[in-house]
Amino acid sequence: MAQYPMTAHGAELLRNELNELKSVTRPRIIESIAEAREHGDLKENAEYHAAREQQSFCEGRIQDIEGKLSNAQIIDVTKIENNGKVIFGATVTILNVETDKEICYRIVGDDEADIKNNLISVNSPIARGLIGKQVDDVANIQTPSGAVEFEIIEVEYL
């Protein structure tokens, strides 16, 4: 089985979503199906079909989350000594050498990635180019718009 790397925070978010799906969403959908059945003929009952579709999505998501959590490799970087190396879970401040623009990213698992909040997937080109490097190293990263040089300014294990 493939292991899914994730931060402790990401695992907690998945557990919360799983709890919400099992304790709130699933019972609500079951109630909707029961209510729709009371309306009679199921063949032409749009409410019934919509509720069954929601149930299918909900059960699929529950299975997906349970599978990921059971194969999760939870990495808590706060318990690792900071040696200045970029690793999974690290928060990295980089400088685009060409534009002189500074940006800060946190390298997280695929499910946690959210570029709007500067959370990048460990499998993204930027993260792959940064992992293993240290402060003051220059990473040459291939992007869709061409190769870009980034200098690593700071590495934090938050």
C-alpha atoms as a PDB file:
ATOM      1  CA  MET A   1       0.000   0.000   0.000  1.00  0.00           C
ATOM      2  CA  ALA A   2       1.180   3.481  -0.825  1.00  0.00           C
ATOM      3  CA  GLN A   3       1.868   5.742   2.119  1.00  0.00           C
ATOM      4  CA  TYR A   4       0.441   9.253   2.110  1.00  0.00           C
ATOM      5  CA  PRO A   5       2.720  11.815   3.743  1.00  0.00           C
ATOM      6  CA  MET A   6       0.821  14.450   5.689  1.00  0.00           C
ATOM      7  CA  THR A   7       1.419  16.918   8.436  1.00  0.00           C
ATOM      8  CA  ALA A   8      -0.126  16.440  11.874  1.00  0.00           C
ATOM      9  CA  HIS A   9      -2.413  19.412  11.140  1.00  0.00           C
ATOM     10  CA  GLY A  10      -3.513  17.876   7.817  1.00  0.00           C
ATOM     11  CA  ALA A  11      -4.328  14.560   9.506  1.00  0.00           C
ATOM     12  CA  GLU A  12      -6.391  16.388  12.121  1.00  0.00           C
ATOM     13  CA  LEU A  13      -8.336  18.230   9.402  1.00  0.00           C
ATOM     14  CA  LEU A  14      -9.097  14.910   7.676  1.00  0.00           C
ATOM     15  CA  ARG A  15     -10.236  13.354  10.968  1.00  0.00           C
ATOM     16  CA  ASN A  16     -12.552  16.325  11.566  1.00  0.00           C
ATOM     17  CA  GLU A  17     -14.013  16.022   8.059  1.00  0.00           C
ATOM     18  CA  LEU A  18     -14.524  12.278   8.557  1.00  0.00           C
ATOM     19  CA  ASN A  19     -16.297  12.885  11.861  1.00  0.00           C
ATOM     20  CA  GLU A  20     -18.517  15.531  10.241  1.00  0.00           C
ATOM     21  CA  LEU A  21     -19.427  13.190   7.369  1.00  0.00           C
ATOM     22  CA  LYS A  22     -20.245  10.286   9.682  1.00  0.00           C
ATOM     23  CA  SER A  23     -22.075  12.137  12.450  1.00  0.00           C
ATOM     24  CA  VAL A  24     -23.842  14.979  10.610  1.00  0.00           C
ATOM     25  CA  THR A  25     -23.936  14.531   6.843  1.00  0.00           C
ATOM     26  CA  ARG A  26     -24.706  10.801   6.675  1.00  0.00           C
ATOM     27  CA  PRO A  27     -27.708  10.957   9.080  1.00  0.00           C
ATOM     28  CA  ARG A  28     -29.062  14.034   7.253  1.00  0.00           C
ATOM     29  CA  ILE A  29     -28.900  12.217   3.903  1.00  0.00           C
ATOM     30  CA  ILE A  30     -30.575   9.107   5.344  1.00  0.00           C
ATOM     31  CA  GLU A  31     -33.359  11.327   6.650  1.00  0.00           C
ATOM     32  CA  SER A  32     -33.718  12.961   3.206  1.00  0.00           C
ATOM     33  CA  ILE A  33     -33.983   9.562   1.521  1.00  0.00           C
ATOM     34  CA  ALA A  34     -36.658   8.417   3.978  1.00  0.00           C
ATOM     35  CA  GLU A  35     -38.610  11.633   3.454  1.00  0.00           C
ATOM     36  CA  ALA A  36     -38.358  11.344  -0.342  1.00  0.00           C
ATOM     37  CA  ARG A  37     -39.589   7.718  -0.222  1.00  0.00           C
ATOM     38  CA  GLU A  38     -42.744   8.882   1.505  1.00  0.00           C
ATOM     39  CA  HIS A  39     -43.625  10.983  -1.556  1.00  0.00           C
ATOM     40  CA  GLY A  40     -44.458   7.864  -3.558  1.00  0.00           C
ATOM     41  CA  ASP A  41     -43.235   6.670  -6.966  1.00  0.00           C
ATOM     42  CA  LEU A  42     -39.426   6.481  -6.809  1.00  0.00           C
ATOM     43  CA  LYS A  43     -38.890   6.338 -10.592  1.00  0.00           C
ATOM     44  CA  GLU A  44     -39.887   9.952 -11.119  1.00  0.00           C
ATOM     45  CA  ASN A  45     -38.890  11.303  -7.732  1.00  0.00           C
ATOM     46  CA  ALA A  46     -36.088  13.828  -8.256  1.00  0.00           C
ATOM     47  CA  GLU A  47     -35.613  14.397  -4.515  1.00  0.00           C
ATOM     48  CA  TYR A  48     -35.009  10.686  -3.980  1.00  0.00           C
ATOM     49  CA  HIS A  49     -32.469  10.448  -6.810  1.00  0.00           C
ATOM     50  CA  ALA A  50     -30.659  13.582  -5.613  1.00  0.00           C
ATOM     51  CA  ALA A  51     -30.465  12.227  -2.053  1.00  0.00           C
ATOM     52  CA  ARG A  52     -29.143   8.864  -3.314  1.00  0.00           C
ATOM     53  CA  GLU A  53     -26.492  10.695  -5.355  1.00  0.00           C
ATOM     54  CA  GLN A  54     -25.478  12.675  -2.261  1.00  0.00           C
ATOM     55  CA  GLN A  55     -25.301   9.438  -0.291  1.00  0.00           C
ATOM     56  CA  SER A  56     -23.045   7.868  -2.906  1.00  0.00           C
ATOM     57  CA  PHE A  57     -20.704  10.878  -2.854  1.00  0.00           C
ATOM     58  CA  CYS A  58     -20.650  10.944   0.963  1.00  0.00           C
ATOM     59  CA  GLU A  59     -19.870   7.218   1.289  1.00  0.00           C
ATOM     60  CA  GLY A  60     -17.142   7.496  -1.351  1.00  0.00           C
ATOM     61  CA  ARG A  61     -15.520  10.414   0.474  1.00  0.00           C
ATOM     62  CA  ILE A  62     -15.699   8.521   3.794  1.00  0.00           C
ATOM     63  CA  GLN A  63     -13.926   5.530   2.225  1.00  0.00           C
ATOM     64  CA  ASP A  64     -11.334   7.819   0.617  1.00  0.00           C
ATOM     65  CA  ILE A  65     -10.527   9.585   3.916  1.00  0.00           C
ATOM     66  CA  GLU A  66     -10.429   6.327   5.894  1.00  0.00           C
ATOM     67  CA  GLY A  67      -8.042   4.838   3.327  1.00  0.00           C
ATOM     68  CA  LYS A  68      -5.741   7.856   3.435  1.00  0.00           C
ATOM     69  CA  LEU A  69      -5.711   7.992   7.225  1.00  0.00           C
ATOM     70  CA  SER A  70      -5.006   4.273   7.510  1.00  0.00           C
ATOM     71  CA  ASN A  71      -2.006   4.648   5.179  1.00  0.00           C
ATOM     72  CA  ALA A  72      -0.916   8.052   6.472  1.00  0.00           C
ATOM     73  CA  GLN A  73       2.677   8.768   7.309  1.00  0.00           C
ATOM     74  CA  ILE A  74       2.186  11.651   9.723  1.00  0.00           C
ATOM     75  CA  ILE A  75       5.223  13.895   9.966  1.00  0.00           C
ATOM     76  CA  ASP A  76       5.384  16.505  12.712  1.00  0.00           C
ATOM     77  CA  VAL A  77       8.310  18.802  11.872  1.00  0.00           C
ATOM     78  CA  THR A  78       8.041  20.601  15.202  1.00  0.00           C
ATOM     79  CA  LYS A  79       9.572  17.491  16.794  1.00  0.00           C
ATOM     80  CA  ILE A  80      12.527  17.458  14.377  1.00  0.00           C
ATOM     81  CA  GLU A  81      15.684  19.455  15.022  1.00  0.00           C
ATOM     82  CA  ASN A  82      16.032  22.265  12.483  1.00  0.00           C
ATOM     83  CA  ASN A  83      19.273  21.708  10.620  1.00  0.00           C
ATOM     84  CA  GLY A  84      18.405  24.256   7.911  1.00  0.00           C
ATOM     85  CA  LYS A  85      17.479  21.610   5.347  1.00  0.00           C
ATOM     86  CA  VAL A  86      14.238  21.790   3.370  1.00  0.00           C
ATOM     87  CA  ILE A  87      12.109  18.752   4.254  1.00  0.00           C
ATOM     88  CA  PHE A  88       8.449  17.759   4.115  1.00  0.00           C
ATOM     89  CA  GLY A  89       6.445  20.029   6.428  1.00  0.00           C
ATOM     90  CA  ALA A  90       9.033  22.811   6.474  1.00  0.00           C
ATOM     91  CA  THR A  91       8.130  26.443   5.872  1.00  0.00           C
ATOM     92  CA  VAL A  92      10.512  27.865   3.288  1.00  0.00           C
ATOM     93  CA  THR A  93      11.075  31.514   2.382  1.00  0.00           C
ATOM     94  CA  ILE A  94      12.502  31.821  -1.116  1.00  0.00           C
ATOM     95  CA  LEU A  95      13.608  34.704  -3.297  1.00  0.00           C
ATOM     96  CA  ASN A  96      13.044  34.751  -7.044  1.00  0.00           C
ATOM     97  CA  VAL A  97      16.513  35.783  -8.221  1.00  0.00           C
ATOM     98  CA  GLU A  98      15.192  37.367 -11.442  1.00  0.00           C
ATOM     99  CA  THR A  99      12.306  39.437 -10.056  1.00  0.00           C
ATOM    100  CA  ASP A 100      13.668  39.928  -6.511  1.00  0.00           C
ATOM    101  CA  LYS A 101      10.255  38.808  -5.186  1.00  0.00           C
ATOM    102  CA  GLU A 102      10.196  36.968  -1.869  1.00  0.00           C
ATOM    103  CA  ILE A 103       7.576  34.292  -1.106  1.00  0.00           C
ATOM    104  CA  CYS A 104       7.004  31.850   1.722  1.00  0.00           C
ATOM    105  CA  TYR A 105       5.675  28.290   1.161  1.00  0.00           C
ATOM    106  CA  ARG A 106       4.925  25.381   3.447  1.00  0.00           C
ATOM    107  CA  ILE A 107       5.501  21.947   1.933  1.00  0.00           C
ATOM    108  CA  VAL A 108       2.546  19.677   2.755  1.00  0.00           C
ATOM    109  CA  GLY A 109       0.789  16.523   1.545  1.00  0.00           C
ATOM    110  CA  ASP A 110      -1.373  16.407  -1.583  1.00  0.00           C
ATOM    111  CA  ASP A 111      -4.672  16.712   0.343  1.00  0.00           C
ATOM    112  CA  GLU A 112      -3.490  19.754   2.282  1.00  0.00           C
ATOM    113  CA  ALA A 113      -2.125  21.714  -0.675  1.00  0.00           C
ATOM    114  CA  ASP A 114      -3.729  25.145  -1.125  1.00  0.00           C
ATOM    115  CA  ILE A 115      -1.714  27.603  -3.184  1.00  0.00           C
ATOM    116  CA  LYS A 116      -3.878  30.538  -2.037  1.00  0.00           C
ATOM    117  CA  ASN A 117      -2.634  29.908   1.512  1.00  0.00           C
ATOM    118  CA  ASN A 118       0.949  29.202   0.323  1.00  0.00           C
ATOM    119  CA  LEU A 119       0.636  25.476   1.058  1.00  0.00           C
ATOM    120  CA  ILE A 120       2.296  23.541  -1.772  1.00  0.00           C
ATOM    121  CA  SER A 121       2.184  19.808  -2.400  1.00  0.00           C
ATOM    122  CA  VAL A 122       5.335  17.812  -1.803  1.00  0.00           C
ATOM    123  CA  ASN A 123       4.848  16.535  -5.375  1.00  0.00           C
ATOM    124  CA  SER A 124       4.775  20.019  -6.953  1.00  0.00           C
ATOM    125  CA  PRO A 125       7.744  21.090  -9.111  1.00  0.00           C
ATOM    126  CA  ILE A 126       8.714  23.854  -6.674  1.00  0.00           C
ATOM    127  CA  ALA A 127       8.686  21.544  -3.639  1.00  0.00           C
ATOM    128  CA  ARG A 128      10.615  18.821  -5.463  1.00  0.00           C
ATOM    129  CA  GLY A 129      13.211  21.399  -6.465  1.00  0.00           C
ATOM    130  CA  LEU A 130      13.568  22.698  -2.906  1.00  0.00           C
ATOM    131  CA  ILE A 131      13.632  19.456  -0.910  1.00  0.00           C
ATOM    132  CA  GLY A 132      17.120  18.597   0.285  1.00  0.00           C
ATOM    133  CA  LYS A 133      18.479  22.111  -0.223  1.00  0.00           C
ATOM    134  CA  GLN A 134      19.638  24.422   2.581  1.00  0.00           C
ATOM    135  CA  VAL A 135      19.620  28.121   3.427  1.00  0.00           C
ATOM    136  CA  ASP A 136      21.577  30.180   0.837  1.00  0.00           C
ATOM    137  CA  ASP A 137      21.348  27.389  -1.773  1.00  0.00           C
ATOM    138  CA  VAL A 138      20.000  28.289  -5.198  1.00  0.00           C
ATOM    139  CA  ALA A 139      17.381  25.995  -6.717  1.00  0.00           C
ATOM    140  CA  ASN A 140      16.834  26.017 -10.463  1.00  0.00           C
ATOM    141  CA  ILE A 141      13.199  24.965 -10.891  1.00  0.00           C
ATOM    142  CA  GLN A 142      11.502  24.134 -14.166  1.00  0.00           C
ATOM    143  CA  THR A 143       8.097  25.861 -14.346  1.00  0.00           C
ATOM    144  CA  PRO A 144       5.572  26.041 -17.201  1.00  0.00           C
ATOM    145  CA  SER A 145       6.991  29.455 -18.119  1.00  0.00           C
ATOM    146  CA  GLY A 146      10.573  28.171 -18.116  1.00  0.00           C
ATOM    147  CA  ALA A 147      13.401  27.692 -15.643  1.00  0.00           C
ATOM    148  CA  VAL A 148      13.342  29.969 -12.592  1.00  0.00           C
ATOM    149  CA  GLU A 149      16.108  30.414 -10.021  1.00  0.00           C
ATOM    150  CA  PHE A 150      15.125  30.655  -6.365  1.00  0.00           C
ATOM    151  CA  GLU A 151      17.454  31.402  -3.484  1.00  0.00           C
ATOM    152  CA  ILE A 152      16.489  29.862  -0.163  1.00  0.00           C
ATOM    153  CA  ILE A 153      16.342  32.648   2.435  1.00  0.00           C
ATOM    154  CA  GLU A 154      14.960  30.829   5.489  1.00  0.00           C
ATOM    155  CA  VAL A 155      13.836  27.326   6.528  1.00  0.00           C
ATOM    156  CA  GLU A 156      11.558  26.949   9.539  1.00  0.00           C
ATOM    157  CA  TYR A 157      10.091  23.847  11.144  1.00  0.00           C
ATOM    158  CA  LEU A 158       6.797  25.239  12.461  1.00  0.00           C
END
